[in-house]
């Protein structure tokens, strides 16, 4: 009797799994949008339009930087949705004329997104419309990327990166590019 019940339970679990898979296949778009959400859409679109940056790049970076947590703080002290470093926040606030700026403002979604998207615009102007180099610059800093582009070991043409010497940046770039492509497929 106990063996029969265990067999029934396994069969029931198997049937439930099949039903869940069937429902998932019927609602692929819903499943993908659940895994790849867009939070803060209005702010992202506002600043992406203002600074002429692809909003799906912003979302992909935000997903990887903070998983959409406005209170996120990295091991290195970067803050907020787009993980803005203190120095970058101070520099950007001066350039953007943000009144009464304080580091705590990096936890405010509007300020954080504005600074993050503006910084992507700065990277785009510096490195051309090369998304791969922009992403590397967002993670490793534009100074490091400039050095890599000037070094034939990392860049044959001085415009693209053939090799990224920082493991963290290399993995970060791959994840952001993957998510960027997925966001484009789902939402465009």
Protein backbone atom coordinates (compact mmCIF):
# COMPACT_ATOMS: atom_id res chain seq x y z
CA UNK A 1 0.00 0.00 0.00
CA UNK A 2 2.83 2.42 0.92
CA UNK A 3 4.65 1.63 -2.35
CA UNK A 4 1.46 2.34 -4.27
CA UNK A 5 1.08 5.74 -2.54
CA UNK A 6 4.72 6.70 -3.26
CA UNK A 7 4.19 5.75 -6.90
CA UNK A 8 1.00 7.81 -7.07
CA UNK A 9 2.71 10.78 -5.46
CA UNK A 10 5.59 10.66 -7.95
CA UNK A 11 3.13 10.36 -10.83
CA UNK A 12 1.08 13.28 -9.48
CA UNK A 13 4.21 15.44 -9.16
CA UNK A 14 5.20 14.47 -12.72
CA UNK A 15 1.75 15.48 -14.04
CA UNK A 16 1.90 18.81 -12.18
CA UNK A 17 5.34 19.53 -13.67
CA UNK A 18 4.01 18.75 -17.16
CA UNK A 19 1.06 21.09 -16.62
CA UNK A 20 3.35 23.90 -15.41
CA UNK A 21 5.61 23.41 -18.46
CA UNK A 22 2.59 23.43 -20.80
CA UNK A 23 1.27 26.63 -19.23
CA UNK A 24 4.74 28.17 -19.44
CA UNK A 25 5.00 27.32 -23.13
CA UNK A 26 1.60 28.90 -23.74
CA UNK A 27 2.66 32.06 -21.89
CA UNK A 28 6.29 32.39 -22.95
CA UNK A 29 6.07 36.17 -23.15
CA UNK A 30 4.63 36.39 -19.63
CA UNK A 31 7.35 34.08 -18.29
CA UNK A 32 10.10 36.11 -19.99
CA UNK A 33 8.68 39.41 -18.76
CA UNK A 34 8.59 37.97 -15.24
CA UNK A 35 12.25 36.96 -15.45
CA UNK A 36 13.24 40.17 -17.29
CA UNK A 37 11.07 42.93 -15.82
CA UNK A 38 11.41 46.65 -16.41
CA UNK A 39 11.14 48.62 -13.19
CA UNK A 40 11.26 52.44 -13.18
CA UNK A 41 10.22 52.45 -16.84
CA UNK A 42 9.09 56.11 -16.88
CA UNK A 43 12.37 57.38 -15.42
CA UNK A 44 14.44 55.16 -17.69
CA UNK A 45 12.58 56.33 -20.79
CA UNK A 46 12.77 59.98 -19.69
CA UNK A 47 16.55 60.01 -19.24
CA UNK A 48 17.29 57.57 -22.07
CA UNK A 49 15.51 59.96 -24.42
CA UNK A 50 17.21 63.03 -22.93
CA UNK A 51 20.70 61.53 -23.26
CA UNK A 52 20.00 59.47 -26.41
CA UNK A 53 20.82 56.11 -24.84
CA UNK A 54 18.99 52.87 -25.65
CA UNK A 55 16.58 52.30 -22.72
CA UNK A 56 17.11 48.53 -22.92
CA UNK A 57 20.83 49.03 -22.33
CA UNK A 58 19.95 51.05 -19.22
CA UNK A 59 17.60 48.29 -18.00
CA UNK A 60 20.19 45.56 -18.65
CA UNK A 61 22.83 47.49 -16.71
CA UNK A 62 20.42 48.22 -13.86
CA UNK A 63 19.37 44.55 -13.66
CA UNK A 64 23.00 43.46 -13.36
CA UNK A 65 24.11 46.29 -11.09
CA UNK A 66 21.36 46.21 -8.45
CA UNK A 67 18.61 43.81 -9.52
CA UNK A 68 16.40 46.94 -9.39
CA UNK A 69 17.05 47.56 -5.67
CA UNK A 70 17.29 51.33 -5.07
CA UNK A 71 19.01 50.70 -1.72
CA UNK A 72 21.73 48.40 -3.07
CA UNK A 73 25.29 49.08 -1.94
CA UNK A 74 28.22 47.21 -3.50
CA UNK A 75 31.33 45.93 -1.71
CA UNK A 76 33.14 48.93 -3.16
CA UNK A 77 30.49 51.37 -1.91
CA UNK A 78 28.66 52.06 -5.19
CA UNK A 79 25.06 52.98 -4.50
CA UNK A 80 21.55 52.67 -5.83
CA UNK A 81 19.90 51.25 -8.89
CA UNK A 82 22.80 51.86 -11.26
CA UNK A 83 25.51 51.47 -8.60
CA UNK A 84 27.02 54.93 -8.84
CA UNK A 85 30.40 55.35 -7.13
CA UNK A 86 30.69 58.28 -4.72
CA UNK A 87 33.29 60.03 -6.87
CA UNK A 88 31.18 59.61 -10.01
CA UNK A 89 28.10 60.90 -8.19
CA UNK A 90 29.95 64.01 -7.00
CA UNK A 91 31.43 64.68 -10.46
CA UNK A 92 28.12 64.09 -12.24
CA UNK A 93 26.15 66.24 -9.79
CA UNK A 94 28.45 69.18 -10.57
CA UNK A 95 28.13 68.66 -14.33
CA UNK A 96 24.34 68.22 -14.10
CA UNK A 97 23.86 71.10 -11.64
CA UNK A 98 21.99 68.95 -9.12
CA UNK A 99 21.19 71.38 -6.29
CA UNK A 100 22.20 70.50 -2.71
CA UNK A 101 23.69 67.21 -3.80
CA UNK A 102 24.59 64.69 -1.11
CA UNK A 103 25.76 61.10 -1.45
CA UNK A 104 22.47 59.85 0.05
CA UNK A 105 20.72 61.18 -3.05
CA UNK A 106 22.20 58.21 -4.93
CA UNK A 107 19.47 56.11 -3.27
CA UNK A 108 16.79 58.22 -4.94
CA UNK A 109 15.76 56.43 -8.16
CA UNK A 110 15.39 59.60 -10.22
CA UNK A 111 18.82 60.99 -9.27
CA UNK A 112 20.54 57.62 -9.63
CA UNK A 113 19.02 56.85 -13.02
CA UNK A 114 19.72 60.37 -14.27
CA UNK A 115 23.39 60.15 -13.27
CA UNK A 116 23.77 56.58 -14.59
CA UNK A 117 22.23 57.37 -17.99
CA UNK A 118 24.20 60.61 -18.24
CA UNK A 119 27.39 58.64 -17.53
CA UNK A 120 26.49 56.18 -20.30
CA UNK A 121 26.12 59.21 -22.58
CA UNK A 122 29.59 60.40 -21.53
CA UNK A 123 31.00 56.94 -22.31
CA UNK A 124 29.21 56.88 -25.66
CA UNK A 125 30.73 60.24 -26.60
CA UNK A 126 34.15 59.06 -25.49
CA UNK A 127 34.15 55.63 -27.13
CA UNK A 128 31.74 56.09 -30.02
CA UNK A 129 28.55 54.11 -30.25
CA UNK A 130 30.35 50.90 -29.27
CA UNK A 131 28.06 49.28 -26.71
CA UNK A 132 30.60 46.62 -25.74
CA UNK A 133 33.22 49.26 -24.89
CA UNK A 134 30.62 51.43 -23.12
CA UNK A 135 29.61 48.50 -20.90
CA UNK A 136 33.25 47.75 -20.06
CA UNK A 137 33.75 51.45 -19.25
CA UNK A 138 30.68 51.51 -17.03
CA UNK A 139 32.11 48.65 -14.98
CA UNK A 140 35.87 49.26 -15.04
CA UNK A 141 35.94 53.02 -15.54
CA UNK A 142 36.78 54.97 -18.66
CA UNK A 143 40.43 55.39 -17.59
CA UNK A 144 41.03 51.64 -17.60
CA UNK A 145 39.24 51.22 -20.91
CA UNK A 146 41.35 53.99 -22.51
CA UNK A 147 44.51 52.15 -21.41
CA UNK A 148 43.20 48.88 -22.83
CA UNK A 149 42.29 50.49 -26.15
CA UNK A 150 45.80 51.96 -26.38
CA UNK A 151 47.40 48.58 -25.70
CA UNK A 152 47.72 46.27 -28.77
CA UNK A 153 47.53 43.29 -26.41
CA UNK A 154 43.88 44.21 -25.71
CA UNK A 155 42.84 46.15 -28.83
CA UNK A 156 44.10 45.74 -32.38
CA UNK A 157 42.40 48.86 -33.72
CA UNK A 158 42.20 51.15 -30.67
CA UNK A 159 38.39 51.22 -30.96
CA UNK A 160 37.23 47.75 -29.92
CA UNK A 161 38.33 45.48 -27.12
CA UNK A 162 39.63 42.11 -28.28
CA UNK A 163 40.46 41.11 -24.72
CA UNK A 164 39.43 42.48 -21.32
CA UNK A 165 42.09 41.93 -18.64
CA UNK A 166 39.70 42.22 -15.66
CA UNK A 167 37.72 39.02 -15.06
CA UNK A 168 34.93 40.93 -13.31
CA UNK A 169 34.54 43.31 -16.25
CA UNK A 170 34.70 40.52 -18.83
CA UNK A 171 31.92 38.57 -17.06
CA UNK A 172 29.90 41.73 -16.40
CA UNK A 173 30.07 42.71 -20.06
CA UNK A 174 28.87 39.25 -21.17
CA UNK A 175 25.93 39.30 -18.75
CA UNK A 176 24.86 42.83 -19.65
CA UNK A 177 25.10 42.11 -23.40
CA UNK A 178 23.05 38.92 -22.96
CA UNK A 179 20.38 40.76 -20.98
CA UNK A 180 20.42 43.68 -23.42
CA UNK A 181 19.69 41.31 -26.32
CA UNK A 182 16.95 39.56 -24.35
CA UNK A 183 15.29 42.85 -23.36
CA UNK A 184 15.35 43.90 -27.01
CA UNK A 185 13.72 40.63 -28.10
CA UNK A 186 11.02 40.74 -25.43
CA UNK A 187 10.03 44.40 -25.46
CA UNK A 188 10.73 45.78 -28.96
